[in-house]
Amino acid sequence: MKKFLLTIAMVAFGFAANAQDGQFNAGVNLGLPVGDASDISSFAVGAEVNYLFSVSDDFQVGPSVGFVNYFGKDTEVTAGGVTVTISASDAQFLPIAAAGRFAISDEFTLGADLGYAVGINTGNDGGFYYRPMVGYNVADNIMIQATYSGVSVTGGSVANIGLGVMFGL
């Protein structure tokens, strides 16, 4: 399944690269885990590459692929007067998604990525990936983004609220 999804992403990028009105974008972000993820993770770091082509003057769509690492943290648990430290390992995902961006003005953009996040580390099956975002253009090819990124996994979700920067290439 993971190889199949990766193959689909590669084919989508190949087709998108032939479009003449598109643009490659690459970016990084830092996030604070929320919900279930905050119990086992201290922070998240992510990177994303996408190729967006124009559907209209204000709307762009295209494929997106990324990497997200949730850094595990130590948690102390006390039971019966005994304190035990539990160390959570890192959780890593490879999101493969369709991205959409709508320019609501020259400065602000609303968008979302929807797809599947392949689990990379042992015991991580991945799940449905979603990432709504708001962007602010600080220059022609530089956008500051505020995002909520999540992966629906068996028994819960792994999510973060993030801030990042995206560069037009």
Protein backbone atom coordinates (compact mmCIF):
# COMPACT_ATOMS: atom_id res chain seq x y z
CA MET A 1 0.00 0.00 0.00
CA LYS A 2 2.79 2.43 0.93
CA LYS A 3 4.67 1.74 -2.32
CA PHE A 4 1.46 2.17 -4.30
CA LEU A 5 0.77 5.60 -2.74
CA LEU A 6 4.37 6.69 -3.29
CA THR A 7 4.12 5.64 -6.95
CA ILE A 8 0.91 7.65 -7.36
CA ALA A 9 2.62 10.70 -5.86
CA MET A 10 5.59 10.36 -8.22
CA VAL A 11 3.28 10.07 -11.24
CA ALA A 12 1.25 13.11 -10.08
CA PHE A 13 4.43 15.14 -9.70
CA GLY A 14 5.53 14.04 -13.17
CA PHE A 15 2.28 15.18 -14.76
CA ALA A 16 2.25 18.41 -12.79
CA ALA A 17 5.82 19.20 -13.84
CA ASN A 18 4.65 19.26 -17.47
CA ALA A 19 2.10 21.98 -16.73
CA GLN A 20 3.41 25.35 -17.89
CA ASP A 21 1.63 27.68 -15.49
CA GLY A 22 2.66 26.06 -12.22
CA GLN A 23 5.18 26.73 -9.49
CA PHE A 24 7.26 24.56 -7.18
CA ASN A 25 7.14 25.55 -3.52
CA ALA A 26 9.18 24.24 -0.60
CA GLY A 27 8.89 25.06 3.05
CA VAL A 28 9.52 24.14 6.67
CA ASN A 29 7.45 24.50 9.83
CA LEU A 30 7.57 24.01 13.57
CA GLY A 31 4.57 22.82 15.54
CA LEU A 32 3.24 22.32 19.03
CA PRO A 33 1.44 18.99 19.44
CA VAL A 34 -2.21 19.19 20.47
CA GLY A 35 -4.76 16.62 21.58
CA ASP A 36 -3.55 13.01 21.81
CA ALA A 37 -0.11 13.93 20.45
CA SER A 38 0.64 16.37 23.29
CA ASP A 39 0.72 13.42 25.75
CA ILE A 40 3.67 11.76 23.99
CA SER A 41 5.34 14.51 21.98
CA SER A 42 7.04 17.79 22.88
CA PHE A 43 7.16 19.44 19.42
CA ALA A 44 6.98 18.71 15.71
CA VAL A 45 9.13 19.66 12.73
CA GLY A 46 7.95 19.37 9.16
CA ALA A 47 8.96 20.02 5.57
CA GLU A 48 6.83 20.16 2.44
CA VAL A 49 7.29 20.37 -1.32
CA ASN A 50 4.38 21.02 -3.66
CA TYR A 51 3.72 21.92 -7.25
CA LEU A 52 0.71 24.18 -7.66
CA PHE A 53 -0.80 25.12 -10.98
CA SER A 54 -3.37 27.83 -11.57
CA VAL A 55 -7.00 26.93 -12.14
CA SER A 56 -7.93 30.63 -12.12
CA ASP A 57 -6.29 33.90 -11.08
CA ASP A 58 -7.09 33.22 -7.42
CA PHE A 59 -7.14 29.40 -7.16
CA GLN A 60 -4.28 26.87 -7.37
CA VAL A 61 -4.20 23.09 -6.96
CA GLY A 62 -1.57 20.40 -7.17
CA PRO A 63 0.23 17.50 -5.50
CA SER A 64 2.11 17.86 -2.23
CA VAL A 65 4.53 15.60 -0.37
CA GLY A 66 6.13 16.23 2.99
CA PHE A 67 7.78 14.87 6.09
CA VAL A 68 6.67 15.41 9.71
CA ASN A 69 8.53 14.28 12.82
CA TYR A 70 6.87 14.40 16.25
CA PHE A 71 9.63 14.28 18.86
CA GLY A 72 8.79 11.90 21.71
CA LYS A 73 8.99 13.08 25.29
CA ASP A 74 9.49 11.55 28.70
CA THR A 75 6.45 11.38 30.96
CA GLU A 76 6.48 10.59 34.66
CA VAL A 77 3.68 8.40 35.97
CA THR A 78 3.07 7.85 39.68
CA ALA A 79 1.07 4.87 40.89
CA GLY A 80 1.00 3.54 44.45
CA GLY A 81 3.77 5.89 45.51
CA VAL A 82 6.11 4.67 42.77
CA THR A 83 7.16 7.07 40.02
CA VAL A 84 8.10 5.63 36.64
CA THR A 85 9.43 7.54 33.63
CA ILE A 86 8.00 6.47 30.29
CA SER A 87 9.92 7.52 27.18
CA ALA A 88 7.88 7.90 24.00
CA SER A 89 9.66 7.40 20.70
CA ASP A 90 9.44 9.79 17.75
CA ALA A 91 6.49 9.45 15.36
CA GLN A 92 7.27 10.13 11.69
CA PHE A 93 4.94 10.58 8.73
CA LEU A 94 5.26 11.06 4.97
CA PRO A 95 2.12 13.00 3.91
CA ILE A 96 1.09 12.56 0.27
CA ALA A 97 -1.73 14.93 -0.52
CA ALA A 98 -3.66 17.12 -2.91
CA ALA A 99 -3.14 20.79 -2.11
CA GLY A 100 -5.50 23.68 -2.81
CA ARG A 101 -4.84 27.38 -2.31
CA PHE A 102 -7.25 30.32 -2.67
CA ALA A 103 -5.91 33.90 -2.66
CA ILE A 104 -8.44 36.02 -0.76
CA SER A 105 -6.28 39.12 -1.35
CA ASP A 106 -2.79 39.98 -2.58
CA GLU A 107 -1.44 39.25 0.90
CA PHE A 108 -3.61 36.46 2.34
CA THR A 109 -4.18 32.89 1.17
CA LEU A 110 -6.45 30.15 2.52
CA GLY A 111 -5.66 26.55 1.73
CA ALA A 112 -5.84 22.90 2.63
CA ASP A 113 -3.96 19.68 1.99
CA LEU A 114 -5.88 16.38 2.05
CA GLY A 115 -4.45 12.93 1.55
CA TYR A 116 -2.76 10.03 3.28
CA ALA A 117 0.20 10.17 5.68
CA VAL A 118 2.36 7.07 5.42
CA GLY A 119 3.72 6.02 8.81
CA ILE A 120 7.50 5.71 8.65
CA ASN A 121 8.57 4.51 12.09
CA THR A 122 7.95 0.98 13.37
CA GLY A 123 4.38 0.32 14.48
CA ASN A 124 3.04 3.44 12.73
CA ASP A 125 0.41 2.55 10.11
CA GLY A 126 -0.27 6.16 9.10
CA GLY A 127 -3.74 7.48 8.33
CA PHE A 128 -5.89 10.17 6.75
CA TYR A 129 -3.96 13.46 6.51
CA TYR A 130 -5.49 16.94 6.70
CA ARG A 131 -3.87 20.36 6.92
CA PRO A 132 -5.86 23.60 6.72
CA MET A 133 -3.69 26.71 6.49
CA VAL A 134 -3.67 30.51 6.36
CA GLY A 135 -0.78 32.20 4.58
CA TYR A 136 0.56 35.74 4.50
CA ASN A 137 2.78 36.82 1.60
CA VAL A 138 5.74 38.79 2.93
CA ALA A 139 7.42 38.94 -0.51
CA ASP A 140 6.77 37.69 -4.04
CA ASN A 141 8.08 34.20 -3.29
CA ILE A 142 7.92 34.01 0.53
CA MET A 143 4.82 33.13 2.54
CA ILE A 144 4.44 32.78 6.31
CA GLN A 145 1.92 30.04 7.15
CA ALA A 146 -0.16 29.19 10.19
CA THR A 147 -1.41 25.60 10.02
CA TYR A 148 -3.26 22.87 11.85
CA SER A 149 -1.84 19.54 10.71
CA GLY A 150 -3.36 16.21 11.66
CA VAL A 151 -3.26 12.50 10.95
CA SER A 152 -6.20 10.29 11.93
CA VAL A 153 -4.68 7.09 13.30
CA THR A 154 -6.21 4.03 14.91
CA GLY A 155 -7.48 5.05 18.32
CA GLY A 156 -7.07 8.81 17.93
CA SER A 157 -5.14 11.45 16.06
CA VAL A 158 -1.68 12.98 15.90
CA ALA A 159 -1.93 16.74 15.36
CA ASN A 160 -0.10 20.02 15.79
CA ILE A 161 -0.58 23.74 15.46
CA GLY A 162 2.29 25.07 13.41
CA LEU A 163 4.01 28.12 12.03
CA GLY A 164 6.21 27.93 8.97
CA VAL A 165 7.61 29.56 5.88
CA MET A 166 7.08 28.55 2.24
CA PHE A 167 9.38 29.59 -0.58
CA GLY A 168 8.40 29.76 -4.26
CA LEU A 169 11.12 28.15 -6.37
